[in-house]
Amino acid sequence: NMPRHRPKASFLTATSMVVASAFVVVGWAASAGASGPAPAPTDAQVRKKLTATAPWVLNTWGGAFTEANAAAWRVLSSGASEDVRWTGSALDAVVAGCAKCERNRCDLTVGYGGSPDEDGETTLDAMVMDGQTLDVGAVGALRGVKDAVEAARLVLERTQHTLLVGDQATAFALQMGLSPANLSTPESAGEHAAWLNANCQPNYRRDVSPDPEKFCGPYRAVGTEEAAAHARQSCKRPSADIARDNHDTIAMFATDAAGRLFGATSTNGARAKMPGRVGDAPIPGAGLYVLAGVGGCGATGDGDVMMRFLPCYQAVESMRLGATPEQAAADAMARIAARHPTFQGGIVVADAAGAHAGAANGWIFTYSLSSAAATGVQVFTVHPPPLLAVQRGHSTGEEEPETAVRGGGRADAARQ
């Protein structure tokens, strides 16, 4: 009889050599100027995990996003929050953290007053996911309500649906007691005016007339002959169009003292997006995925590409099949980079024990961590080489983070 397929062993066999080779590169770089390269760690050392002490919370990005992590940590560690309803659960923590970023308008890529669309309007995407039940509540292209992550929580708790969008998502949020608000600001109006003055660049349209790389609309679809007369515009946008300052998300996930795992996201999407566009942040498996007993993942970057690959579902599923966080992160990012080499994005992955890793392609990516065994918010930075970088650490606070890279690079940690 043929032996039954054992996915865990298969995954580890396929990936262990790649990860071990990556550490050889790091060992050599770290010992430059010494008598010789540091010896490569054994496969067991590469895969080692330390048991973290819950609670802990991770989210994409450092900088302004550390305040969101700190807000979530206050809820996790003591139940203290600006909102007396919050009780210290992981659900309360991730909602509080993302809500803090919405209020602070982190990097103008989360919350109101940022990333105006072609019409000059700011719309919001958000999601909340329960790692125990896999229930999800999400909103997309939310208009006229500032509290996007709270609206997503209401979809989770007050409906049997997963995703509400546009005006209907707004109507639901208002019915549930959230307040209407103008999401535009003088800054976002100025951004939109500058975009119009730049002939509507960057532009996400293709195969329309007039040429969207040179002119503003209104646009019309071109016929077959007209489309053949000029080269079809690729869906792979120039990397300069996607950057941290115009295309970002907070994705946060946390484990509380009771061991419950929840995650949440919030963003105002891509600057100059087409009206009605929804990104990866409210899509389960794309911007976020959490599975109790296995772990979680949060993502940021070019959402139109990421939602085609579901990198967070892929990473969590890889861990379920036996991969370490660094292996899972590397694999998920490599799947995207193989088809979209200029793709810009990053993911942070953690298993149920608190071991964590980040992977990036095309830009420098950071993520933030607070845990029961560390003081303050720790920020981990992934410096990507030309192809892919993977940074690994542990939330125990017992070790400095390590780096695993393909083709070179380094990772740093800072405590804030």
Protein backbone atom coordinates (compact mmCIF):
# COMPACT_ATOMS: atom_id res chain seq x y z
CA ASN A 1 0.00 0.00 0.00
CA MET A 2 1.09 3.56 -0.70
CA PRO A 3 1.93 5.50 2.48
CA ARG A 4 -0.50 8.25 3.42
CA HIS A 5 0.58 11.80 2.63
CA ARG A 6 2.13 13.58 5.61
CA PRO A 7 2.14 17.31 4.78
CA LYS A 8 4.10 18.41 7.83
CA ALA A 9 7.14 16.31 6.97
CA SER A 10 6.90 17.26 3.31
CA PHE A 11 6.89 20.98 4.03
CA LEU A 12 9.82 20.88 6.41
CA THR A 13 11.88 18.74 4.06
CA ALA A 14 11.29 21.17 1.20
CA THR A 15 12.14 24.30 3.16
CA SER A 16 14.77 23.41 5.73
CA MET A 17 17.71 23.66 3.33
CA VAL A 18 16.63 27.11 2.11
CA VAL A 19 16.37 28.49 5.64
CA ALA A 20 19.65 26.90 6.76
CA SER A 21 21.44 28.33 3.73
CA ALA A 22 20.05 31.75 4.56
CA PHE A 23 21.61 31.60 7.99
CA VAL A 24 24.98 30.81 6.44
CA VAL A 25 24.79 34.17 4.66
CA VAL A 26 23.92 35.98 7.88
CA GLY A 27 26.64 34.21 9.84
CA TRP A 28 29.25 35.32 7.33
CA ALA A 29 28.01 38.91 7.27
CA ALA A 30 27.94 39.13 11.04
CA SER A 31 31.53 37.93 11.34
CA ALA A 32 33.04 40.14 8.65
CA GLY A 33 36.55 41.10 9.65
CA ALA A 34 36.88 38.10 11.96
CA SER A 35 39.02 35.06 11.31
CA GLY A 36 36.36 33.42 9.19
CA PRO A 37 32.64 32.93 8.69
CA ALA A 38 30.58 31.80 11.60
CA PRO A 39 29.45 28.19 11.33
CA ALA A 40 25.96 27.64 10.03
CA PRO A 41 23.49 26.61 12.71
CA THR A 42 22.10 23.14 12.68
CA ASP A 43 18.63 22.50 11.30
CA ALA A 44 17.38 22.08 14.86
CA GLN A 45 18.77 25.49 15.81
CA VAL A 46 17.12 27.09 12.81
CA ARG A 47 13.74 25.69 13.81
CA LYS A 48 14.00 26.19 17.53
CA LYS A 49 11.09 27.88 19.26
CA LEU A 50 10.86 29.54 22.65
CA THR A 51 7.64 29.51 24.60
CA ALA A 52 6.26 33.01 24.94
CA THR A 53 4.25 34.26 27.86
CA ALA A 54 0.83 35.52 26.85
CA PRO A 55 -0.48 38.10 26.42
CA TRP A 56 1.24 39.53 23.35
CA VAL A 57 0.29 41.79 20.46
CA LEU A 58 1.91 42.27 17.04
CA ASN A 59 1.14 44.72 14.25
CA THR A 60 2.54 45.89 10.96
CA TRP A 61 4.88 48.89 11.04
CA GLY A 62 6.77 50.79 13.70
CA GLY A 63 6.99 54.58 13.91
CA ALA A 64 3.56 56.11 14.38
CA PHE A 65 2.07 52.63 14.56
CA THR A 66 3.80 51.89 17.88
CA GLU A 67 1.18 54.03 19.63
CA ALA A 68 -1.46 51.64 18.35
CA ASN A 69 0.53 48.69 19.69
CA ALA A 70 0.90 50.42 23.06
CA ALA A 71 -2.84 51.13 23.19
CA ALA A 72 -3.61 47.47 22.50
CA TRP A 73 -1.08 46.39 25.12
CA ARG A 74 -2.68 48.58 27.77
CA VAL A 75 -5.96 46.76 27.16
CA LEU A 76 -4.31 43.34 27.17
CA SER A 77 -2.20 43.89 30.26
CA SER A 78 -4.62 45.72 32.52
CA GLY A 79 -7.89 46.36 30.75
CA ALA A 80 -7.09 50.08 30.83
CA SER A 81 -8.45 51.95 27.83
CA GLU A 82 -9.97 55.20 26.72
CA ASP A 83 -13.21 53.22 26.37
CA VAL A 84 -14.51 51.72 29.63
CA ARG A 85 -16.32 48.94 27.71
CA TRP A 86 -13.02 47.23 26.93
CA THR A 87 -12.17 44.48 29.35
CA GLY A 88 -8.72 43.16 28.47
CA SER A 89 -9.66 40.56 25.87
CA ALA A 90 -7.69 40.12 22.66
CA LEU A 91 -10.75 41.27 20.73
CA ASP A 92 -10.95 44.49 22.73
CA ALA A 93 -7.21 44.99 22.36
CA VAL A 94 -6.99 44.74 18.58
CA VAL A 95 -10.03 46.98 18.14
CA ALA A 96 -8.57 49.51 20.58
CA GLY A 97 -5.21 49.41 18.81
CA CYS A 98 -6.59 49.91 15.33
CA ALA A 99 -8.99 52.57 16.59
CA LYS A 100 -6.01 54.44 18.05
CA CYS A 101 -4.36 54.41 14.63
CA GLU A 102 -7.59 55.65 13.03
CA ARG A 103 -7.79 58.57 15.45
CA ASN A 104 -4.09 59.35 15.03
CA ARG A 105 -4.33 58.98 11.24
CA CYS A 106 -1.14 56.91 11.25
CA ASP A 107 1.07 58.08 8.37
CA LEU A 108 -2.16 59.41 6.79
CA THR A 109 -2.72 55.85 5.49
CA VAL A 110 -5.13 54.83 8.25
CA GLY A 111 -8.26 56.73 9.21
CA TYR A 112 -9.91 59.83 7.82
CA GLY A 113 -8.24 62.56 5.76
CA GLY A 114 -5.86 60.40 3.76
CA SER A 115 -5.56 58.58 0.43
CA PRO A 116 -8.29 60.42 -1.47
CA ASP A 117 -9.67 58.55 -4.46
CA GLU A 118 -10.12 59.90 -8.01
CA ASP A 119 -13.09 61.95 -6.81
CA GLY A 120 -11.19 63.32 -3.81
CA GLU A 121 -13.08 61.18 -1.29
CA THR A 122 -11.52 59.17 1.54
CA THR A 123 -13.10 55.76 2.13
CA LEU A 124 -12.12 53.14 4.69
CA ASP A 125 -11.59 49.37 4.82
CA ALA A 126 -11.40 47.34 8.04
CA MET A 127 -11.78 43.81 9.38
CA VAL A 128 -12.03 41.95 12.69
CA MET A 129 -11.44 38.17 12.88
CA ASP A 130 -12.08 35.66 15.66
CA GLY A 131 -9.38 32.99 15.67
CA GLN A 132 -11.51 30.58 17.70
CA THR A 133 -14.58 30.47 15.45
CA LEU A 134 -13.07 31.95 12.25
CA ASP A 135 -15.98 34.40 12.20
CA VAL A 136 -15.17 37.65 10.39
CA GLY A 137 -16.73 41.08 10.29
CA ALA A 138 -15.52 43.57 7.70
CA VAL A 139 -16.37 46.78 5.90
CA GLY A 140 -15.08 48.01 2.55
CA ALA A 141 -15.26 51.40 0.86
CA LEU A 142 -16.94 52.73 4.01
CA ARG A 143 -18.10 56.32 3.50
CA GLY A 144 -18.93 59.03 6.02
CA VAL A 145 -18.00 57.10 9.22
CA LYS A 146 -14.61 57.48 10.91
CA ASP A 147 -14.80 54.39 13.13
CA ALA A 148 -14.06 51.73 10.52
CA VAL A 149 -12.73 49.00 12.83
CA GLU A 150 -15.66 49.52 15.19
CA ALA A 151 -18.01 49.15 12.21
CA ALA A 152 -16.23 45.91 11.30
CA ARG A 153 -16.70 44.66 14.86
CA LEU A 154 -20.39 45.42 14.60
CA VAL A 155 -20.61 43.33 11.43
CA LEU A 156 -18.89 40.51 13.36
CA GLU A 157 -21.12 40.73 16.42
CA ARG A 158 -24.46 41.97 15.08
CA THR A 159 -24.84 40.16 11.74
CA GLN A 160 -24.41 36.77 10.14
CA HIS A 161 -22.54 38.32 7.21
CA THR A 162 -18.82 38.72 6.65
CA LEU A 163 -18.41 41.90 4.57
CA LEU A 164 -20.54 45.00 3.98
CA VAL A 165 -19.45 47.68 1.50
CA GLY A 166 -20.09 51.23 0.38
CA ASP A 167 -23.21 53.18 1.24
CA GLN A 168 -24.90 50.10 2.67
CA ALA A 169 -22.00 49.60 5.09
CA THR A 170 -22.41 53.24 6.11
CA ALA A 171 -26.15 52.82 6.64
CA PHE A 172 -25.55 49.77 8.84
CA ALA A 173 -22.91 51.56 10.92
CA LEU A 174 -25.25 54.50 11.52
CA GLN A 175 -28.11 52.14 12.44
CA MET A 176 -25.84 50.55 15.03
CA GLY A 177 -25.13 53.93 16.64
CA LEU A 178 -21.88 55.11 15.08
CA SER A 179 -21.70 58.80 14.25
CA PRO A 180 -21.60 60.30 10.75
CA ALA A 181 -18.49 62.30 9.91
CA ASN A 182 -16.78 64.09 7.07
CA LEU A 183 -13.70 62.03 6.16
CA SER A 184 -12.10 64.78 4.09
CA THR A 185 -9.63 67.33 5.44
CA PRO A 186 -7.79 70.31 3.92
CA GLU A 187 -4.79 67.96 3.55
CA SER A 188 -6.71 65.37 1.57
CA ALA A 189 -8.28 68.08 -0.58
CA GLY A 190 -4.79 69.41 -1.29
CA GLU A 191 -3.58 65.90 -2.21
CA HIS A 192 -6.44 65.53 -4.65
CA ALA A 193 -5.78 68.91 -6.23
CA ALA A 194 -2.11 68.02 -6.67
CA TRP A 195 -3.10 64.73 -8.31
CA LEU A 196 -5.35 66.53 -10.78
CA ASN A 197 -2.59 69.03 -11.57
CA ALA A 198 -0.23 66.11 -12.26
CA ASN A 199 -2.52 64.83 -15.04
CA CYS A 200 -4.07 62.33 -12.65
CA GLN A 201 -0.89 60.40 -11.89
CA PRO A 202 -0.52 57.76 -10.53
CA ASN A 203 -3.46 56.13 -12.26
CA TYR A 204 -4.83 52.61 -11.87
CA ARG A 205 -6.83 52.43 -15.11
CA ARG A 206 -5.74 50.61 -18.27
CA ASP A 207 -6.99 49.98 -21.81
CA VAL A 208 -9.12 53.12 -21.77
CA SER A 209 -9.13 56.36 -23.67
CA PRO A 210 -7.71 58.93 -23.23
CA ASP A 211 -4.39 57.36 -22.22
CA PRO A 212 -4.56 57.18 -18.39
CA GLU A 213 -0.77 57.43 -18.15
CA LYS A 214 -0.94 60.94 -19.61
CA PHE A 215 -4.42 62.36 -19.14
CA CYS A 216 -7.29 62.68 -16.72
CA GLY A 217 -10.74 61.34 -17.56
CA PRO A 218 -13.56 60.92 -18.11
CA TYR A 219 -12.50 57.64 -19.69
CA ARG A 220 -14.16 55.21 -22.05
CA ALA A 221 -13.36 51.62 -22.90
CA VAL A 222 -11.36 51.23 -26.10
CA GLY A 223 -12.34 48.84 -28.88
CA THR A 224 -10.34 45.80 -29.88
CA GLU A 225 -8.56 47.53 -32.76
CA GLU A 226 -7.77 50.59 -30.68
CA ALA A 227 -6.47 48.44 -27.86
CA ALA A 228 -4.19 46.59 -30.28
CA ALA A 229 -2.89 49.88 -31.68
CA HIS A 230 -1.02 50.63 -28.47
CA ALA A 231 0.60 48.24 -26.04
CA ARG A 232 -1.66 46.83 -23.38
CA GLN A 233 -0.83 48.45 -20.08
CA SER A 234 0.39 45.95 -17.52
CA CYS A 235 -1.41 45.41 -14.23
CA LYS A 236 2.04 45.42 -12.59
CA ARG A 237 2.26 49.01 -11.46
CA PRO A 238 5.64 50.73 -11.30
CA SER A 239 7.11 50.26 -7.84
CA ALA A 240 7.21 54.02 -7.33
CA ASP A 241 3.41 54.04 -7.27
CA ILE A 242 3.25 51.79 -4.20
CA ALA A 243 5.05 53.05 -1.12
CA ARG A 244 4.58 53.28 2.62
CA ASP A 245 3.36 56.88 2.41
CA ASN A 246 0.55 56.14 -0.01
CA HIS A 247 -0.42 52.51 0.42
CA ASP A 248 -0.45 51.17 3.94
CA THR A 249 -2.43 49.17 6.46
CA ILE A 250 -2.35 48.43 10.13
CA ALA A 251 -2.84 44.71 10.62
CA MET A 252 -2.80 43.63 14.27
CA PHE A 253 -3.30 40.35 16.06
CA ALA A 254 -3.08 39.44 19.72
CA THR A 255 -3.34 36.62 22.24
CA ASP A 256 -4.77 37.48 25.66
CA ALA A 257 -4.14 35.90 29.07
CA ALA A 258 -6.93 33.40 28.42
CA GLY A 259 -5.25 32.26 25.20
CA ARG A 260 -7.83 33.76 22.85
CA LEU A 261 -6.54 34.95 19.46
CA PHE A 262 -8.10 37.83 17.52
CA GLY A 263 -6.98 40.10 14.71
CA ALA A 264 -8.02 43.38 13.12
CA THR A 265 -7.07 45.67 10.24
CA SER A 266 -7.76 49.24 9.17
CA THR A 267 -6.70 51.39 6.21
CA ASN A 268 -7.85 54.16 3.90
CA GLY A 269 -6.46 52.25 0.94
CA ALA A 270 -4.43 53.32 -2.05
CA ARG A 271 -4.05 57.00 -2.84
CA ALA A 272 -5.80 57.95 -6.11
CA LYS A 273 -7.66 54.65 -6.22
CA MET A 274 -10.75 54.33 -8.38
CA PRO A 275 -13.99 55.06 -6.49
CA GLY A 276 -15.40 51.86 -5.07
CA ARG A 277 -12.07 50.07 -4.88
CA VAL A 278 -11.68 47.68 -1.93
CA GLY A 279 -8.21 46.48 -0.95
CA ASP A 280 -6.86 43.46 0.88
CA ALA A 281 -7.44 44.73 4.43
CA PRO A 282 -11.06 43.51 4.73
CA ILE A 283 -10.41 40.24 2.88
CA PRO A 284 -9.84 37.24 5.20
CA GLY A 285 -6.55 35.56 4.37
CA ALA A 286 -5.21 38.55 2.45
CA GLY A 287 -4.73 41.38 4.94
CA LEU A 288 -5.09 39.17 8.02
CA TYR A 289 -5.71 35.62 9.17
CA VAL A 290 -5.79 34.10 12.68
CA LEU A 291 -6.38 30.50 13.75
CA ALA A 292 -6.41 29.57 17.42
CA GLY A 293 -3.89 26.90 18.29
CA VAL A 294 -1.83 27.68 15.19
CA GLY A 295 -1.11 31.42 14.98
CA GLY A 296 -1.75 34.55 12.98
CA CYS A 297 -0.53 36.80 10.19
CA GLY A 298 -0.94 40.46 9.26
CA ALA A 299 -0.02 42.00 5.91
CA THR A 300 0.53 45.37 4.26
CA GLY A 301 1.44 46.47 0.75
CA ASP A 302 -0.06 46.29 -2.72
CA GLY A 303 -3.46 44.93 -1.82
CA ASP A 304 -4.63 44.39 -5.39
CA VAL A 305 -1.82 41.87 -5.78
CA MET A 306 -1.92 40.44 -2.27
CA MET A 307 -5.59 39.48 -2.35
CA ARG A 308 -4.88 37.23 -5.34
CA PHE A 309 -2.44 35.16 -3.26
CA LEU A 310 -3.99 35.26 0.24
CA PRO A 311 -0.53 35.41 1.85
CA CYS A 312 -1.79 35.39 5.41
CA TYR A 313 -3.98 32.35 4.91
CA GLN A 314 -1.03 30.69 3.19
CA ALA A 315 1.34 31.49 6.05
CA VAL A 316 -1.03 30.26 8.76
CA GLU A 317 -1.85 27.12 6.79
CA SER A 318 1.87 26.44 6.36
CA MET A 319 2.32 26.68 10.14
CA ARG A 320 -0.62 24.33 10.62
CA LEU A 321 1.23 21.85 8.42
CA GLY A 322 4.38 22.16 10.51
CA ALA A 323 6.32 25.16 9.21
CA THR A 324 8.02 27.59 11.57
CA PRO A 325 6.97 31.25 11.37
CA GLU A 326 10.10 32.19 9.38
CA GLN A 327 9.52 29.36 6.90
CA ALA A 328 5.85 30.27 6.54
CA ALA A 329 6.57 33.96 6.05
CA ALA A 330 9.28 33.30 3.48
CA ASP A 331 7.12 30.88 1.54
CA ALA A 332 4.10 33.20 1.44
CA MET A 333 6.15 36.16 0.22
CA ALA A 334 8.11 34.10 -2.30
CA ARG A 335 4.89 32.94 -3.96
CA ILE A 336 4.01 36.55 -4.72
CA ALA A 337 7.51 37.67 -5.70
CA ALA A 338 7.85 34.78 -8.15
CA ARG A 339 5.08 36.29 -10.30
CA HIS A 340 5.46 39.94 -9.32
CA PRO A 341 9.18 40.62 -8.72
CA THR A 342 8.65 44.36 -8.19
CA PHE A 343 5.79 43.81 -5.75
CA GLN A 344 6.09 45.81 -2.52
CA GLY A 345 4.71 44.34 0.65
CA GLY A 346 5.41 42.83 4.03
CA ILE A 347 3.91 40.30 6.41
CA VAL A 348 4.36 39.51 10.08
CA VAL A 349 3.65 35.96 11.25
CA ALA A 350 3.52 34.41 14.73
CA ASP A 351 2.72 30.93 15.95
CA ALA A 352 0.58 30.07 18.95
CA ALA A 353 3.67 29.97 21.19
CA GLY A 354 4.66 33.53 20.31
CA ALA A 355 7.62 32.86 17.98
CA HIS A 356 7.38 35.48 15.25
CA ALA A 357 8.87 36.41 11.88
CA GLY A 358 8.52 39.04 9.18
CA ALA A 359 9.05 38.83 5.43
CA ALA A 360 9.31 41.68 2.93
CA ASN A 361 9.71 42.30 -0.76
CA GLY A 362 10.56 45.58 -2.47
CA TRP A 363 10.68 47.84 0.57
CA ILE A 364 11.92 48.08 4.14
CA PHE A 365 9.26 46.64 6.42
CA THR A 366 8.87 47.00 10.17
CA TYR A 367 6.58 45.48 12.75
CA SER A 368 5.84 46.16 16.42
CA LEU A 369 5.57 43.80 19.38
CA SER A 370 4.52 44.05 23.02
CA SER A 371 4.56 41.00 25.27
CA ALA A 372 4.38 39.98 28.90
CA ALA A 373 8.13 39.33 29.02
CA ALA A 374 9.32 42.64 27.55
CA THR A 375 9.19 46.28 28.57
CA GLY A 376 7.81 48.75 26.06
CA VAL A 377 7.12 48.30 22.37
CA GLN A 378 9.79 46.48 20.39
CA VAL A 379 10.19 47.36 16.70
CA PHE A 380 11.68 44.83 14.28
CA THR A 381 13.03 46.04 10.94
CA VAL A 382 13.39 43.88 7.83
CA HIS A 383 15.95 45.17 5.32
CA PRO A 384 15.13 43.37 2.10
CA PRO A 385 17.85 42.32 -0.34
CA PRO A 386 17.04 42.48 -4.06
CA LEU A 387 14.70 39.51 -3.83
CA LEU A 388 13.45 38.68 -0.36
CA ALA A 389 14.22 39.25 3.29
CA VAL A 390 12.96 37.31 6.27
CA GLN A 391 13.43 38.45 9.83
CA ARG A 392 12.84 36.21 12.78
CA GLY A 393 12.48 36.80 16.50
CA HIS A 394 10.76 35.57 19.63
CA SER A 395 8.30 37.42 21.83
CA THR A 396 9.87 36.15 25.04
CA GLY A 397 12.29 39.06 25.23
CA GLU A 398 15.02 36.53 26.09
CA GLU A 399 16.97 36.89 22.86
CA GLU A 400 17.80 39.55 20.34
CA PRO A 401 15.98 38.94 17.05
CA GLU A 402 17.76 36.90 14.42
CA THR A 403 17.83 37.40 10.68
CA ALA A 404 17.22 34.95 7.89
CA VAL A 405 17.69 36.31 4.38
CA ARG A 406 18.02 35.14 0.84
CA GLY A 407 20.76 37.10 -0.89
CA GLY A 408 21.84 39.26 2.06
CA GLY A 409 20.32 41.89 4.27
CA ARG A 410 19.92 42.56 7.97
CA ALA A 411 17.32 43.09 10.66
CA ASP A 412 17.44 45.36 13.66
CA ALA A 413 15.36 45.66 16.81
CA ALA A 414 14.64 48.79 18.79
CA ARG A 415 12.64 49.25 21.96
CA GLN A 416 10.37 52.24 22.21
